[in-house]
């Protein structure tokens, strides 16, 4: 059986206001990914 490496990530979410912000951080490399989406559905 082969062993696979596990990469630790940290996830931050801000759900206040009209947008929801997401931030994903790769704790090994420091690389970040972000997204912003409306908090309320479209009419």
PDB file of N, CA and C in Angstrom:
ATOM      1  N   UNK A   1       0.851  -1.169   0.000  1.00  0.00           N
ATOM      2  CA  UNK A   1       0.000   0.000   0.000  1.00  0.00           C
ATOM      3  C   UNK A   1       0.898   1.234   0.000  1.00  0.00           C
ATOM      4  N   UNK A   2       0.582   2.190  -0.863  1.00  0.00           N
ATOM      5  CA  UNK A   2       1.381   3.412  -0.915  1.00  0.00           C
ATOM      6  C   UNK A   2       0.853   4.422   0.097  1.00  0.00           C
ATOM      7  N   UNK A   3       1.753   5.282   0.529  1.00  0.00           N
ATOM      8  CA  UNK A   3       1.394   6.301   1.502  1.00  0.00           C
ATOM      9  C   UNK A   3       1.243   7.627   0.766  1.00  0.00           C
ATOM     10  N   UNK A   4       0.192   8.370   1.045  1.00  0.00           N
ATOM     11  CA  UNK A   4       0.003   9.667   0.404  1.00  0.00           C
ATOM     12  C   UNK A   4       0.247  10.773   1.420  1.00  0.00           C
ATOM     13  N   UNK A   5       0.771  11.886   0.914  1.00  0.00           N
ATOM     14  CA  UNK A   5       1.045  13.029   1.783  1.00  0.00           C
ATOM     15  C   UNK A   5      -0.239  13.805   2.031  1.00  0.00           C
ATOM     16  N   UNK A   6      -0.370  14.342   3.215  1.00  0.00           N
ATOM     17  CA  UNK A   6      -1.521  15.161   3.574  1.00  0.00           C
ATOM     18  C   UNK A   6      -1.039  16.603   3.685  1.00  0.00           C
ATOM     19  N   UNK A   7      -1.717  17.504   2.986  1.00  0.00           N
ATOM     20  CA  UNK A   7      -1.376  18.918   3.040  1.00  0.00           C
ATOM     21  C   UNK A   7      -2.371  19.630   3.944  1.00  0.00           C
ATOM     22  N   UNK A   8      -1.887  20.304   4.986  1.00  0.00           N
ATOM     23  CA  UNK A   8      -2.810  21.016   5.881  1.00  0.00           C
ATOM     24  C   UNK A   8      -3.292  22.325   5.259  1.00  0.00           C
ATOM     25  N   UNK A   9      -4.572  22.585   5.394  1.00  0.00           N
ATOM     26  CA  UNK A   9      -5.184  23.827   4.917  1.00  0.00           C
ATOM     27  C   UNK A   9      -5.913  24.493   6.070  1.00  0.00           C
ATOM     28  N   UNK A  10      -6.056  25.801   5.980  1.00  0.00           N
ATOM     29  CA  UNK A  10      -6.854  26.570   6.942  1.00  0.00           C
ATOM     30  C   UNK A  10      -7.912  27.319   6.138  1.00  0.00           C
ATOM     31  N   UNK A  11      -9.152  27.302   6.612  1.00  0.00           N
ATOM     32  CA  UNK A  11     -10.268  27.939   5.913  1.00  0.00           C
ATOM     33  C   UNK A  11     -10.859  29.030   6.788  1.00  0.00           C
ATOM     34  N   UNK A  12     -11.018  30.220   6.205  1.00  0.00           N
ATOM     35  CA  UNK A  12     -11.671  31.323   6.894  1.00  0.00           C
ATOM     36  C   UNK A  12     -12.904  31.745   6.124  1.00  0.00           C
ATOM     37  N   UNK A  13     -13.987  32.033   6.849  1.00  0.00           N
ATOM     38  CA  UNK A  13     -15.251  32.434   6.225  1.00  0.00           C
ATOM     39  C   UNK A  13     -15.801  33.647   6.963  1.00  0.00           C
ATOM     40  N   UNK A  14     -16.167  34.679   6.204  1.00  0.00           N
ATOM     41  CA  UNK A  14     -16.813  35.875   6.763  1.00  0.00           C
ATOM     42  C   UNK A  14     -18.202  35.949   6.147  1.00  0.00           C
ATOM     43  N   UNK A  15     -19.247  35.751   6.953  1.00  0.00           N
ATOM     44  CA  UNK A  15     -20.617  35.709   6.438  1.00  0.00           C
ATOM     45  C   UNK A  15     -21.416  36.964   6.754  1.00  0.00           C
ATOM     46  N   UNK A  16     -20.763  38.020   7.189  1.00  0.00           N
ATOM     47  CA  UNK A  16     -21.486  39.248   7.522  1.00  0.00           C
ATOM     48  C   UNK A  16     -21.712  40.119   6.297  1.00  0.00           C
ATOM     49  N   UNK A  17     -22.773  40.901   6.328  1.00  0.00           N
ATOM     50  CA  UNK A  17     -23.026  41.863   5.259  1.00  0.00           C
ATOM     51  C   UNK A  17     -23.657  41.256   4.023  1.00  0.00           C
ATOM     52  N   UNK A  18     -23.433  41.912   2.886  1.00  0.00           N
ATOM     53  CA  UNK A  18     -24.074  41.492   1.639  1.00  0.00           C
ATOM     54  C   UNK A  18     -23.266  40.453   0.881  1.00  0.00           C
ATOM     55  N   UNK A  19     -22.024  40.219   1.292  1.00  0.00           N
ATOM     56  CA  UNK A  19     -21.184  39.222   0.631  1.00  0.00           C
ATOM     57  C   UNK A  19     -20.639  38.230   1.646  1.00  0.00           C
ATOM     58  N   UNK A  20     -20.371  37.012   1.181  1.00  0.00           N
ATOM     59  CA  UNK A  20     -19.671  36.008   1.966  1.00  0.00           C
ATOM     60  C   UNK A  20     -18.277  35.880   1.376  1.00  0.00           C
ATOM     61  N   UNK A  21     -17.251  36.061   2.211  1.00  0.00           N
ATOM     62  CA  UNK A  21     -15.861  35.970   1.770  1.00  0.00           C
ATOM     63  C   UNK A  21     -15.257  34.668   2.277  1.00  0.00           C
ATOM     64  N   UNK A  22     -14.494  34.009   1.408  1.00  0.00           N
ATOM     65  CA  UNK A  22     -13.831  32.758   1.756  1.00  0.00           C
ATOM     66  C   UNK A  22     -12.337  32.909   1.516  1.00  0.00           C
ATOM     67  N   UNK A  23     -11.524  32.353   2.407  1.00  0.00           N
ATOM     68  CA  UNK A  23     -10.076  32.362   2.245  1.00  0.00           C
ATOM     69  C   UNK A  23      -9.553  30.986   2.619  1.00  0.00           C
ATOM     70  N   UNK A  24      -8.834  30.352   1.703  1.00  0.00           N
ATOM     71  CA  UNK A  24      -8.241  29.038   1.932  1.00  0.00           C
ATOM     72  C   UNK A  24      -6.728  29.203   1.871  1.00  0.00           C
ATOM     73  N   UNK A  25      -6.029  28.736   2.901  1.00  0.00           N
ATOM     74  CA  UNK A  25      -4.575  28.888   2.972  1.00  0.00           C
ATOM     75  C   UNK A  25      -3.924  27.509   3.044  1.00  0.00           C
ATOM     76  N   UNK A  26      -2.989  27.259   2.138  1.00  0.00           N
ATOM     77  CA  UNK A  26      -2.164  26.063   2.185  1.00  0.00           C
ATOM     78  C   UNK A  26      -1.088  26.340   3.230  1.00  0.00           C
ATOM     79  N   UNK A  27      -1.126  25.643   4.353  1.00  0.00           N
ATOM     80  CA  UNK A  27      -0.208  25.939   5.448  1.00  0.00           C
ATOM     81  C   UNK A  27       1.216  25.483   5.173  1.00  0.00           C
ATOM     82  N   UNK A  28       1.426  24.653   4.165  1.00  0.00           N
ATOM     83  CA  UNK A  28       2.775  24.224   3.818  1.00  0.00           C
ATOM     84  C   UNK A  28       3.470  25.249   2.933  1.00  0.00           C
ATOM     85  N   UNK A  29       2.777  25.696   1.879  1.00  0.00           N
ATOM     86  CA  UNK A  29       3.388  26.615   0.913  1.00  0.00           C
ATOM     87  C   UNK A  29       3.045  28.077   1.162  1.00  0.00           C
ATOM     88  N   UNK A  30       1.980  28.337   1.934  1.00  0.00           N
ATOM     89  CA  UNK A  30       1.533  29.707   2.147  1.00  0.00           C
ATOM     90  C   UNK A  30       0.654  30.235   1.026  1.00  0.00           C
ATOM     91  N   UNK A  31       0.401  29.417   0.017  1.00  0.00           N
ATOM     92  CA  UNK A  31      -0.449  29.824  -1.106  1.00  0.00           C
ATOM     93  C   UNK A  31      -1.871  30.064  -0.605  1.00  0.00           C
ATOM     94  N   UNK A  32      -2.520  31.116  -1.140  1.00  0.00           N
ATOM     95  CA  UNK A  32      -3.879  31.440  -0.723  1.00  0.00           C
ATOM     96  C   UNK A  32      -4.835  31.431  -1.908  1.00  0.00           C
ATOM     97  N   UNK A  33      -6.073  31.120  -1.624  1.00  0.00           N
ATOM     98  CA  UNK A  33      -7.157  31.137  -2.597  1.00  0.00           C
ATOM     99  C   UNK A  33      -8.307  31.889  -1.937  1.00  0.00           C
ATOM    100  N   UNK A  34      -8.955  32.774  -2.687  1.00  0.00           N
ATOM    101  CA  UNK A  34     -10.056  33.532  -2.097  1.00  0.00           C
ATOM    102  C   UNK A  34     -11.240  33.586  -3.049  1.00  0.00           C
ATOM    103  N   UNK A  35     -12.420  33.821  -2.469  1.00  0.00           N
ATOM    104  CA  UNK A  35     -13.652  33.954  -3.251  1.00  0.00           C
ATOM    105  C   UNK A  35     -14.590  34.888  -2.509  1.00  0.00           C
ATOM    106  N   UNK A  36     -15.439  35.569  -3.273  1.00  0.00           N
ATOM    107  CA  UNK A  36     -16.456  36.459  -2.710  1.00  0.00           C
ATOM    108  C   UNK A  36     -17.745  36.172  -3.470  1.00  0.00           C
ATOM    109  N   UNK A  37     -18.796  35.849  -2.732  1.00  0.00           N
ATOM    110  CA  UNK A  37     -20.091  35.548  -3.342  1.00  0.00           C
ATOM    111  C   UNK A  37     -21.184  36.306  -2.596  1.00  0.00           C
ATOM    112  N   UNK A  38     -22.289  36.639  -3.275  1.00  0.00           N
ATOM    113  CA  UNK A  38     -23.389  37.328  -2.592  1.00  0.00           C
ATOM    114  C   UNK A  38     -23.952  36.461  -1.462  1.00  0.00           C
ATOM    115  N   UNK A  39     -24.285  37.095  -0.341  1.00  0.00           N
ATOM    116  CA  UNK A  39     -24.861  36.359   0.790  1.00  0.00           C
ATOM    117  C   UNK A  39     -26.342  36.081   0.599  1.00  0.00           C
ATOM    118  N   UNK A  40     -26.995  36.856  -0.261  1.00  0.00           N
ATOM    119  CA  UNK A  40     -28.416  36.660  -0.523  1.00  0.00           C
ATOM    120  C   UNK A  40     -28.596  36.183  -1.955  1.00  0.00           C
ATOM    121  N   UNK A  41     -29.531  35.280  -2.201  1.00  0.00           N
ATOM    122  CA  UNK A  41     -29.750  34.781  -3.562  1.00  0.00           C
ATOM    123  C   UNK A  41     -30.297  35.876  -4.476  1.00  0.00           C
ATOM    124  N   UNK A  42     -30.037  35.716  -5.765  1.00  0.00           N
ATOM    125  CA  UNK A  42     -30.549  36.665  -6.759  1.00  0.00           C
ATOM    126  C   UNK A  42     -32.067  36.563  -6.844  1.00  0.00           C
ATOM    127  N   UNK A  43     -32.714  37.662  -7.203  1.00  0.00           N
ATOM    128  CA  UNK A  43     -34.181  37.671  -7.341  1.00  0.00           C
ATOM    129  C   UNK A  43     -34.613  36.942  -8.591  1.00  0.00           C
TER     130      UNK A  43
END
